[in-house]
Amino acid sequence: MTTNDLCWPPCSGAGGGGGPLFALSSSLKSSANSIKEVLLQWCQCRTRGYQGVKIENFSTSWNDGLAFCALIHHFYPDAFDFDKLDPKNRRQNFDLAFRTAE
């Protein structure tokens, strides 16, 4: 399975918009590790092209709030200016992402 198998419509850059959240191939095994990997790849696909965002795991990749903001911005590109975010302002980034997601 490739990353594009998980992204429908296929992965696009920043601000790509909607589409189904998941489009999984029938060969996907439903073990905890494969589900975690699918979710990780989905997040990577939706945040591809965002400056300063490189999702490699579910811990340190999210530390500064930029990955969460990028994920929110992907679906709501007019909600805020992603390029003005500063990775040093962790609390502000998380507050913005949670407020926008609500």
PDB file of N, CA and C in Angstrom:
ATOM      1  N   MET A   1       0.842  -1.172   0.000  1.00  0.00           N
ATOM      2  CA  MET A   1       0.000   0.000   0.000  1.00  0.00           C
ATOM      3  C   MET A   1       0.888   1.236   0.000  1.00  0.00           C
ATOM      4  N   THR A   2       0.523   2.221  -0.764  1.00  0.00           N
ATOM      5  CA  THR A   2       1.281   3.457  -0.825  1.00  0.00           C
ATOM      6  C   THR A   2       0.532   4.553  -0.080  1.00  0.00           C
ATOM      7  N   THR A   3       1.218   5.687   0.160  1.00  0.00           N
ATOM      8  CA  THR A   3       0.579   6.811   0.822  1.00  0.00           C
ATOM      9  C   THR A   3      -0.629   7.287   0.034  1.00  0.00           C
ATOM     10  N   ASN A   4      -0.556   7.276  -1.287  1.00  0.00           N
ATOM     11  CA  ASN A   4      -1.674   7.741  -2.092  1.00  0.00           C
ATOM     12  C   ASN A   4      -2.878   6.820  -1.990  1.00  0.00           C
ATOM     13  N   ASP A   5      -2.691   5.551  -1.583  1.00  0.00           N
ATOM     14  CA  ASP A   5      -3.828   4.665  -1.348  1.00  0.00           C
ATOM     15  C   ASP A   5      -4.678   5.179  -0.184  1.00  0.00           C
ATOM     16  N   LEU A   6      -4.071   5.974   0.686  1.00  0.00           N
ATOM     17  CA  LEU A   6      -4.749   6.461   1.876  1.00  0.00           C
ATOM     18  C   LEU A   6      -5.395   7.815   1.656  1.00  0.00           C
ATOM     19  N   CYS A   7      -5.091   8.455   0.565  1.00  0.00           N
ATOM     20  CA  CYS A   7      -5.534   9.816   0.338  1.00  0.00           C
ATOM     21  C   CYS A   7      -6.444   9.885  -0.869  1.00  0.00           C
ATOM     22  N   TRP A   8      -7.673  10.162  -0.622  1.00  0.00           N
ATOM     23  CA  TRP A   8      -8.582  10.354  -1.730  1.00  0.00           C
ATOM     24  C   TRP A   8      -9.401  11.584  -1.458  1.00  0.00           C
ATOM     25  N   PRO A   9      -9.353  12.599  -2.261  1.00  0.00           N
ATOM     26  CA  PRO A   9      -8.568  12.620  -3.482  1.00  0.00           C
ATOM     27  C   PRO A   9      -7.076  12.565  -3.165  1.00  0.00           C
ATOM     28  N   PRO A  10      -6.236  12.289  -4.187  1.00  0.00           N
ATOM     29  CA  PRO A  10      -4.794  12.148  -3.948  1.00  0.00           C
ATOM     30  C   PRO A  10      -4.226  13.346  -3.206  1.00  0.00           C
ATOM     31  N   CYS A  11      -3.100  13.115  -2.522  1.00  0.00           N
ATOM     32  CA  CYS A  11      -2.458  14.154  -1.734  1.00  0.00           C
ATOM     33  C   CYS A  11      -2.228  15.401  -2.563  1.00  0.00           C
ATOM     34  N   SER A  12      -2.422  16.538  -1.927  1.00  0.00           N
ATOM     35  CA  SER A  12      -2.111  17.806  -2.556  1.00  0.00           C
ATOM     36  C   SER A  12      -1.373  18.638  -1.537  1.00  0.00           C
ATOM     37  N   GLY A  13      -0.912  19.796  -1.944  1.00  0.00           N
ATOM     38  CA  GLY A  13      -0.152  20.665  -1.057  1.00  0.00           C
ATOM     39  C   GLY A  13      -1.035  21.326  -0.029  1.00  0.00           C
ATOM     40  N   ALA A  14      -0.530  22.378   0.569  1.00  0.00           N
ATOM     41  CA  ALA A  14      -1.229  23.094   1.625  1.00  0.00           C
ATOM     42  C   ALA A  14      -2.584  23.593   1.148  1.00  0.00           C
ATOM     43  N   GLY A  15      -3.571  23.494   2.033  1.00  0.00           N
ATOM     44  CA  GLY A  15      -4.892  24.025   1.749  1.00  0.00           C
ATOM     45  C   GLY A  15      -5.671  23.230   0.731  1.00  0.00           C
ATOM     46  N   GLY A  16      -5.535  21.912   0.724  1.00  0.00           N
ATOM     47  CA  GLY A  16      -6.158  21.074  -0.285  1.00  0.00           C
ATOM     48  C   GLY A  16      -7.641  20.857  -0.131  1.00  0.00           C
ATOM     49  N   GLY A  17      -8.202  21.117   1.029  1.00  0.00           N
ATOM     50  CA  GLY A  17      -9.646  21.025   1.185  1.00  0.00           C
ATOM     51  C   GLY A  17     -10.143  19.669   1.588  1.00  0.00           C
ATOM     52  N   GLY A  18     -11.379  19.360   1.204  1.00  0.00           N
ATOM     53  CA  GLY A  18     -12.129  18.230   1.731  1.00  0.00           C
ATOM     54  C   GLY A  18     -11.851  16.897   1.100  1.00  0.00           C
ATOM     55  N   GLY A  19     -12.900  16.166   0.844  1.00  0.00           N
ATOM     56  CA  GLY A  19     -12.795  14.789   0.394  1.00  0.00           C
ATOM     57  C   GLY A  19     -12.969  13.867   1.574  1.00  0.00           C
ATOM     58  N   PRO A  20     -13.191  12.606   1.307  1.00  0.00           N
ATOM     59  CA  PRO A  20     -13.347  11.648   2.400  1.00  0.00           C
ATOM     60  C   PRO A  20     -12.120  11.634   3.291  1.00  0.00           C
ATOM     61  N   LEU A  21     -12.318  11.385   4.573  1.00  0.00           N
ATOM     62  CA  LEU A  21     -11.194  11.355   5.494  1.00  0.00           C
ATOM     63  C   LEU A  21     -10.278  10.173   5.219  1.00  0.00           C
ATOM     64  N   PHE A  22     -10.863   9.028   4.872  1.00  0.00           N
ATOM     65  CA  PHE A  22     -10.066   7.842   4.601  1.00  0.00           C
ATOM     66  C   PHE A  22     -10.626   7.113   3.393  1.00  0.00           C
ATOM     67  N   ALA A  23      -9.739   6.560   2.610  1.00  0.00           N
ATOM     68  CA  ALA A  23     -10.126   5.648   1.541  1.00  0.00           C
ATOM     69  C   ALA A  23      -9.123   4.501   1.622  1.00  0.00           C
ATOM     70  N   LEU A  24      -9.463   3.482   2.375  1.00  0.00           N
ATOM     71  CA  LEU A  24      -8.531   2.400   2.662  1.00  0.00           C
ATOM     72  C   LEU A  24      -8.694   1.257   1.676  1.00  0.00           C
ATOM     73  N   SER A  25      -7.594   0.671   1.299  1.00  0.00           N
ATOM     74  CA  SER A  25      -7.662  -0.486   0.420  1.00  0.00           C
ATOM     75  C   SER A  25      -8.174  -1.689   1.213  1.00  0.00           C
ATOM     76  N   SER A  26      -8.768  -2.630   0.520  1.00  0.00           N
ATOM     77  CA  SER A  26      -9.344  -3.798   1.188  1.00  0.00           C
ATOM     78  C   SER A  26      -8.285  -4.716   1.786  1.00  0.00           C
ATOM     79  N   SER A  27      -7.039  -4.544   1.373  1.00  0.00           N
ATOM     80  CA  SER A  27      -5.977  -5.415   1.881  1.00  0.00           C
ATOM     81  C   SER A  27      -5.413  -4.962   3.233  1.00  0.00           C
ATOM     82  N   LEU A  28      -5.906  -3.840   3.755  1.00  0.00           N
ATOM     83  CA  LEU A  28      -5.393  -3.337   5.024  1.00  0.00           C
ATOM     84  C   LEU A  28      -5.775  -4.254   6.166  1.00  0.00           C
ATOM     85  N   LYS A  29      -4.782  -4.671   6.931  1.00  0.00           N
ATOM     86  CA  LYS A  29      -5.032  -5.482   8.125  1.00  0.00           C
ATOM     87  C   LYS A  29      -5.427  -4.556   9.257  1.00  0.00           C
ATOM     88  N   SER A  30      -6.341  -4.992  10.105  1.00  0.00           N
ATOM     89  CA  SER A  30      -6.824  -4.119  11.173  1.00  0.00           C
ATOM     90  C   SER A  30      -6.116  -4.388  12.495  1.00  0.00           C
ATOM     91  N   SER A  31      -4.817  -4.381  12.480  1.00  0.00           N
ATOM     92  CA  SER A  31      -4.059  -4.498  13.724  1.00  0.00           C
ATOM     93  C   SER A  31      -3.758  -3.092  14.237  1.00  0.00           C
ATOM     94  N   ALA A  32      -3.409  -2.992  15.502  1.00  0.00           N
ATOM     95  CA  ALA A  32      -3.132  -1.682  16.100  1.00  0.00           C
ATOM     96  C   ALA A  32      -2.001  -0.971  15.376  1.00  0.00           C
ATOM     97  N   ASN A  33      -0.952  -1.679  15.024  1.00  0.00           N
ATOM     98  CA  ASN A  33       0.178  -1.049  14.344  1.00  0.00           C
ATOM     99  C   ASN A  33      -0.189  -0.554  12.960  1.00  0.00           C
ATOM    100  N   SER A  34      -0.965  -1.317  12.211  1.00  0.00           N
ATOM    101  CA  SER A  34      -1.306  -0.874  10.867  1.00  0.00           C
ATOM    102  C   SER A  34      -2.267   0.309  10.917  1.00  0.00           C
ATOM    103  N   ILE A  35      -3.166   0.344  11.878  1.00  0.00           N
ATOM    104  CA  ILE A  35      -4.075   1.480  12.021  1.00  0.00           C
ATOM    105  C   ILE A  35      -3.276   2.729  12.391  1.00  0.00           C
ATOM    106  N   LYS A  36      -2.330   2.580  13.301  1.00  0.00           N
ATOM    107  CA  LYS A  36      -1.483   3.708  13.691  1.00  0.00           C
ATOM    108  C   LYS A  36      -0.696   4.215  12.485  1.00  0.00           C
ATOM    109  N   GLU A  37      -0.168   3.316  11.691  1.00  0.00           N
ATOM    110  CA  GLU A  37       0.588   3.698  10.502  1.00  0.00           C
ATOM    111  C   GLU A  37      -0.309   4.389   9.475  1.00  0.00           C
ATOM    112  N   VAL A  38      -1.523   3.909   9.312  1.00  0.00           N
ATOM    113  CA  VAL A  38      -2.475   4.532   8.394  1.00  0.00           C
ATOM    114  C   VAL A  38      -2.771   5.961   8.841  1.00  0.00           C
ATOM    115  N   LEU A  39      -3.020   6.141  10.123  1.00  0.00           N
ATOM    116  CA  LEU A  39      -3.308   7.476  10.639  1.00  0.00           C
ATOM    117  C   LEU A  39      -2.104   8.403  10.477  1.00  0.00           C
ATOM    118  N   LEU A  40      -0.921   7.893  10.743  1.00  0.00           N
ATOM    119  CA  LEU A  40       0.294   8.679  10.578  1.00  0.00           C
ATOM    120  C   LEU A  40       0.460   9.108   9.118  1.00  0.00           C
ATOM    121  N   GLN A  41       0.275   8.176   8.192  1.00  0.00           N
ATOM    122  CA  GLN A  41       0.403   8.502   6.773  1.00  0.00           C
ATOM    123  C   GLN A  41      -0.672   9.486   6.330  1.00  0.00           C
ATOM    124  N   TRP A  42      -1.874   9.356   6.850  1.00  0.00           N
ATOM    125  CA  TRP A  42      -2.944  10.285   6.519  1.00  0.00           C
ATOM    126  C   TRP A  42      -2.578  11.699   6.974  1.00  0.00           C
ATOM    127  N   CYS A  43      -2.042  11.821   8.187  1.00  0.00           N
ATOM    128  CA  CYS A  43      -1.612  13.125   8.689  1.00  0.00           C
ATOM    129  C   CYS A  43      -0.482  13.690   7.834  1.00  0.00           C
ATOM    130  N   GLN A  44       0.461  12.844   7.451  1.00  0.00           N
ATOM    131  CA  GLN A  44       1.560  13.281   6.598  1.00  0.00           C
ATOM    132  C   GLN A  44       1.034  13.790   5.257  1.00  0.00           C
ATOM    133  N   CYS A  45       0.093  13.076   4.694  1.00  0.00           N
ATOM    134  CA  CYS A  45      -0.484  13.455   3.412  1.00  0.00           C
ATOM    135  C   CYS A  45      -1.176  14.805   3.505  1.00  0.00           C
ATOM    136  N   ARG A  46      -1.957  15.004   4.533  1.00  0.00           N
ATOM    137  CA  ARG A  46      -2.737  16.234   4.674  1.00  0.00           C
ATOM    138  C   ARG A  46      -1.898  17.446   5.050  1.00  0.00           C
ATOM    139  N   THR A  47      -0.682  17.233   5.579  1.00  0.00           N
ATOM    140  CA  THR A  47       0.171  18.357   5.976  1.00  0.00           C
ATOM    141  C   THR A  47       1.376  18.536   5.059  1.00  0.00           C
ATOM    142  N   ARG A  48       1.448  17.752   4.005  1.00  0.00           N
ATOM    143  CA  ARG A  48       2.552  17.872   3.042  1.00  0.00           C
ATOM    144  C   ARG A  48       2.554  19.280   2.450  1.00  0.00           C
ATOM    145  N   GLY A  49       3.723  19.870   2.387  1.00  0.00           N
ATOM    146  CA  GLY A  49       3.862  21.195   1.801  1.00  0.00           C
ATOM    147  C   GLY A  49       3.804  22.336   2.802  1.00  0.00           C
ATOM    148  N   TYR A  50       3.522  22.042   4.058  1.00  0.00           N
ATOM    149  CA  TYR A  50       3.481  23.082   5.073  1.00  0.00           C
ATOM    150  C   TYR A  50       4.885  23.302   5.638  1.00  0.00           C
ATOM    151  N   GLN A  51       5.366  24.535   5.550  1.00  0.00           N
ATOM    152  CA  GLN A  51       6.701  24.897   6.017  1.00  0.00           C
ATOM    153  C   GLN A  51       6.854  24.599   7.510  1.00  0.00           C
ATOM    154  N   GLY A  52       7.920  23.902   7.876  1.00  0.00           N
ATOM    155  CA  GLY A  52       8.218  23.615   9.274  1.00  0.00           C
ATOM    156  C   GLY A  52       7.477  22.426   9.858  1.00  0.00           C
ATOM    157  N   VAL A  53       6.703  21.717   9.028  1.00  0.00           N
ATOM    158  CA  VAL A  53       5.934  20.565   9.517  1.00  0.00           C
ATOM    159  C   VAL A  53       6.478  19.296   8.882  1.00  0.00           C
ATOM    160  N   LYS A  54       6.947  18.401   9.730  1.00  0.00           N
ATOM    161  CA  LYS A  54       7.416  17.093   9.280  1.00  0.00           C
ATOM    162  C   LYS A  54       6.931  16.072  10.300  1.00  0.00           C
ATOM    163  N   ILE A  55       5.842  15.407   9.971  1.00  0.00           N
ATOM    164  CA  ILE A  55       5.251  14.453  10.897  1.00  0.00           C
ATOM    165  C   ILE A  55       5.914  13.088  10.706  1.00  0.00           C
ATOM    166  N   GLU A  56       6.610  12.657  11.754  1.00  0.00           N
ATOM    167  CA  GLU A  56       7.296  11.366  11.731  1.00  0.00           C
ATOM    168  C   GLU A  56       6.777  10.424  12.808  1.00  0.00           C
ATOM    169  N   ASN A  57       6.043  10.976  13.780  1.00  0.00           N
ATOM    170  CA  ASN A  57       5.556  10.174  14.902  1.00  0.00           C
ATOM    171  C   ASN A  57       4.381  10.898  15.543  1.00  0.00           C
ATOM    172  N   PHE A  58       3.854  10.328  16.618  1.00  0.00           N
ATOM    173  CA  PHE A  58       2.732  10.941  17.320  1.00  0.00           C
ATOM    174  C   PHE A  58       3.153  11.610  18.618  1.00  0.00           C
ATOM    175  N   SER A  59       4.416  11.944  18.738  1.00  0.00           N
ATOM    176  CA  SER A  59       4.861  12.638  19.948  1.00  0.00           C
ATOM    177  C   SER A  59       5.615  13.911  19.576  1.00  0.00           C
ATOM    178  N   THR A  60       6.901  13.812  19.327  1.00  0.00           N
ATOM    179  CA  THR A  60       7.714  15.010  19.115  1.00  0.00           C
ATOM    180  C   THR A  60       7.340  15.796  17.867  1.00  0.00           C
ATOM    181  N   SER A  61       6.764  15.169  16.882  1.00  0.00           N
ATOM    182  CA  SER A  61       6.379  15.875  15.657  1.00  0.00           C
ATOM    183  C   SER A  61       5.282  16.905  15.898  1.00  0.00           C
ATOM    184  N   TRP A  62       4.607  16.811  17.032  1.00  0.00           N
ATOM    185  CA  TRP A  62       3.478  17.688  17.339  1.00  0.00           C
ATOM    186  C   TRP A  62       3.813  18.714  18.417  1.00  0.00           C
ATOM    187  N   ASN A  63       5.055  18.731  18.899  1.00  0.00           N
ATOM    188  CA  ASN A  63       5.447  19.532  20.063  1.00  0.00           C
ATOM    189  C   ASN A  63       5.167  21.023  19.962  1.00  0.00           C
ATOM    190  N   ASP A  64       5.389  21.618  18.802  1.00  0.00           N
ATOM    191  CA  ASP A  64       5.262  23.075  18.699  1.00  0.00           C
ATOM    192  C   ASP A  64       3.886  23.539  18.215  1.00  0.00           C
ATOM    193  N   GLY A  65       2.981  22.609  17.962  1.00  0.00           N
ATOM    194  CA  GLY A  65       1.640  22.966  17.541  1.00  0.00           C
ATOM    195  C   GLY A  65       1.482  23.201  16.052  1.00  0.00           C
ATOM    196  N   LEU A  66       2.594  23.284  15.308  1.00  0.00           N
ATOM    197  CA  LEU A  66       2.496  23.561  13.881  1.00  0.00           C
ATOM    198  C   LEU A  66       1.829  22.432  13.101  1.00  0.00           C
ATOM    199  N   ALA A  67       2.107  21.191  13.465  1.00  0.00           N
ATOM    200  CA  ALA A  67       1.486  20.067  12.752  1.00  0.00           C
ATOM    201  C   ALA A  67      -0.023  20.080  12.950  1.00  0.00           C
ATOM    202  N   PHE A  68      -0.457  20.354  14.157  1.00  0.00           N
ATOM    203  CA  PHE A  68      -1.894  20.415  14.439  1.00  0.00           C
ATOM    204  C   PHE A  68      -2.522  21.581  13.673  1.00  0.00           C
ATOM    205  N   CYS A  69      -1.859  22.723  13.683  1.00  0.00           N
ATOM    206  CA  CYS A  69      -2.358  23.878  12.927  1.00  0.00           C
ATOM    207  C   CYS A  69      -2.401  23.572  11.429  1.00  0.00           C
ATOM    208  N   ALA A  70      -1.386  22.894  10.919  1.00  0.00           N
ATOM    209  CA  ALA A  70      -1.367  22.551   9.496  1.00  0.00           C
ATOM    210  C   ALA A  70      -2.523  21.621   9.147  1.00  0.00           C
ATOM    211  N   LEU A  71      -2.794  20.672  10.007  1.00  0.00           N
ATOM    212  CA  LEU A  71      -3.898  19.744   9.769  1.00  0.00           C
ATOM    213  C   LEU A  71      -5.237  20.494   9.759  1.00  0.00           C
ATOM    214  N   ILE A  72      -5.434  21.388  10.697  1.00  0.00           N
ATOM    215  CA  ILE A  72      -6.651  22.195  10.739  1.00  0.00           C
ATOM    216  C   ILE A  72      -6.707  23.107   9.512  1.00  0.00           C
ATOM    217  N   HIS A  73      -5.591  23.747   9.194  1.00  0.00           N
ATOM    218  CA  HIS A  73      -5.528  24.680   8.061  1.00  0.00           C
ATOM    219  C   HIS A  73      -5.813  23.982   6.735  1.00  0.00           C
ATOM    220  N   HIS A  74      -5.420  22.743   6.623  1.00  0.00           N
ATOM    221  CA  HIS A  74      -5.689  21.980   5.397  1.00  0.00           C
ATOM    222  C   HIS A  74      -7.184  21.966   5.084  1.00  0.00           C
ATOM    223  N   PHE A  75      -8.001  21.829   6.100  1.00  0.00           N
ATOM    224  CA  PHE A  75      -9.449  21.745   5.913  1.00  0.00           C
ATOM    225  C   PHE A  75     -10.143  23.105   6.005  1.00  0.00           C
ATOM    226  N   TYR A  76      -9.504  24.071   6.665  1.00  0.00           N
ATOM    227  CA  TYR A  76     -10.065  25.413   6.814  1.00  0.00           C
ATOM    228  C   TYR A  76      -8.998  26.452   6.446  1.00  0.00           C
ATOM    229  N   PRO A  77      -8.614  26.518   5.181  1.00  0.00           N
ATOM    230  CA  PRO A  77      -7.488  27.376   4.775  1.00  0.00           C
ATOM    231  C   PRO A  77      -7.724  28.873   4.969  1.00  0.00           C
ATOM    232  N   ASP A  78      -8.961  29.304   5.073  1.00  0.00           N
ATOM    233  CA  ASP A  78      -9.235  30.728   5.258  1.00  0.00           C
ATOM    234  C   ASP A  78      -9.355  31.122   6.727  1.00  0.00           C
ATOM    235  N   ALA A  79      -9.221  30.166   7.621  1.00  0.00           N
ATOM    236  CA  ALA A  79      -9.420  30.430   9.043  1.00  0.00           C
ATOM    237  C   ALA A  79      -8.286  31.246   9.666  1.00  0.00           C
ATOM    238  N   PHE A  80      -7.065  31.058   9.197  1.00  0.00           N
ATOM    239  CA  PHE A  80      -5.917  31.796   9.719  1.00  0.00           C
ATOM    240  C   PHE A  80      -4.778  31.711   8.720  1.00  0.00           C
ATOM    241  N   ASP A  81      -3.795  32.576   8.898  1.00  0.00           N
ATOM    242  CA  ASP A  81      -2.624  32.615   8.018  1.00  0.00           C
ATOM    243  C   ASP A  81      -1.536  31.719   8.609  1.00  0.00           C
ATOM    244  N   PHE A  82      -1.413  30.521   8.065  1.00  0.00           N
ATOM    245  CA  PHE A  82      -0.451  29.561   8.601  1.00  0.00           C
ATOM    246  C   PHE A  82       0.973  30.109   8.560  1.00  0.00           C
ATOM    247  N   ASP A  83       1.317  30.857   7.525  1.00  0.00           N
ATOM    248  CA  ASP A  83       2.682  31.353   7.351  1.00  0.00           C
ATOM    249  C   ASP A  83       3.111  32.332   8.438  1.00  0.00           C
ATOM    250  N   LYS A  84       2.175  32.861   9.198  1.00  0.00           N
ATOM    251  CA  LYS A  84       2.510  33.798  10.276  1.00  0.00           C
ATOM    252  C   LYS A  84       2.742  33.103  11.615  1.00  0.00           C
ATOM    253  N   LEU A  85       2.556  31.798  11.672  1.00  0.00           N
ATOM    254  CA  LEU A  85       2.748  31.071  12.926  1.00  0.00           C
ATOM    255  C   LEU A  85       4.232  30.924  13.240  1.00  0.00           C
ATOM    256  N   ASP A  86       4.536  30.931  14.515  1.00  0.00           N
ATOM    257  CA  ASP A  86       5.909  30.806  14.986  1.00  0.00           C
ATOM    258  C   ASP A  86       6.018  29.547  15.841  1.00  0.00           C
ATOM    259  N   PRO A  87       6.933  28.631  15.506  1.00  0.00           N
ATOM    260  CA  PRO A  87       7.068  27.405  16.296  1.00  0.00           C
ATOM    261  C   PRO A  87       7.463  27.659  17.753  1.00  0.00           C
ATOM    262  N   LYS A  88       7.979  28.836  18.043  1.00  0.00           N
ATOM    263  CA  LYS A  88       8.342  29.175  19.430  1.00  0.00           C
ATOM    264  C   LYS A  88       7.112  29.501  20.274  1.00  0.00           C
ATOM    265  N   ASN A  89       5.989  29.801  19.633  1.00  0.00           N
ATOM    266  CA  ASN A  89       4.756  30.153  20.342  1.00  0.00           C
ATOM    267  C   ASN A  89       3.839  28.937  20.441  1.00  0.00           C
ATOM    268  N   ARG A  90       4.307  27.940  21.135  1.00  0.00           N
ATOM    269  CA  ARG A  90       3.579  26.666  21.235  1.00  0.00           C
ATOM    270  C   ARG A  90       2.157  26.843  21.751  1.00  0.00           C
ATOM    271  N   ARG A  91       2.026  27.517  22.867  1.00  0.00           N
ATOM    272  CA  ARG A  91       0.692  27.671  23.466  1.00  0.00           C
ATOM    273  C   ARG A  91      -0.262  28.387  22.509  1.00  0.00           C
ATOM    274  N   GLN A  92       0.208  29.454  21.889  1.00  0.00           N
ATOM    275  CA  GLN A  92      -0.615  30.200  20.933  1.00  0.00           C
ATOM    276  C   GLN A  92      -1.025  29.296  19.760  1.00  0.00           C
ATOM    277  N   ASN A  93      -0.108  28.488  19.273  1.00  0.00           N
ATOM    278  CA  ASN A  93      -0.411  27.587  18.152  1.00  0.00           C
ATOM    279  C   ASN A  93      -1.487  26.573  18.538  1.00  0.00           C
ATOM    280  N   PHE A  94      -1.343  25.965  19.709  1.00  0.00           N
ATOM    281  CA  PHE A  94      -2.338  24.985  20.146  1.00  0.00           C
ATOM    282  C   PHE A  94      -3.699  25.648  20.417  1.00  0.00           C
ATOM    283  N   ASP A  95      -3.667  26.831  21.040  1.00  0.00           N
ATOM    284  CA  ASP A  95      -4.920  27.553  21.285  1.00  0.00           C
ATOM    285  C   ASP A  95      -5.631  27.850  19.966  1.00  0.00           C
ATOM    286  N   LEU A  96      -4.897  28.315  18.986  1.00  0.00           N
ATOM    287  CA  LEU A  96      -5.459  28.632  17.678  1.00  0.00           C
ATOM    288  C   LEU A  96      -6.050  27.386  17.036  1.00  0.00           C
ATOM    289  N   ALA A  97      -5.321  26.295  17.055  1.00  0.00           N
ATOM    290  CA  ALA A  97      -5.806  25.047  16.435  1.00  0.00           C
ATOM    291  C   ALA A  97      -7.074  24.548  17.113  1.00  0.00           C
ATOM    292  N   PHE A  98      -7.086  24.550  18.434  1.00  0.00           N
ATOM    293  CA  PHE A  98      -8.275  24.055  19.150  1.00  0.00           C
ATOM    294  C   PHE A  98      -9.475  24.986  18.950  1.00  0.00           C
ATOM    295  N   ARG A  99      -9.239  26.298  19.009  1.00  0.00           N
ATOM    296  CA  ARG A  99     -10.343  27.246  18.784  1.00  0.00           C
ATOM    297  C   ARG A  99     -10.931  27.078  17.377  1.00  0.00           C
ATOM    298  N   THR A 100     -10.071  26.941  16.393  1.00  0.00           N
ATOM    299  CA  THR A 100     -10.524  26.793  15.006  1.00  0.00           C
ATOM    300  C   THR A 100     -11.253  25.477  14.813  1.00  0.00           C
ATOM    301  N   ALA A 101     -10.762  24.419  15.440  1.00  0.00           N
ATOM    302  CA  ALA A 101     -11.387  23.099  15.286  1.00  0.00           C
ATOM    303  C   ALA A 101     -12.774  23.050  15.910  1.00  0.00           C
ATOM    304  N   GLU A 102     -13.018  23.856  16.928  1.00  0.00           N
ATOM    305  CA  GLU A 102     -14.331  23.850  17.583  1.00  0.00           C
ATOM    306  C   GLU A 102     -15.362  24.367  16.629  1.00  0.00           C
TER     307      GLU A 102
END
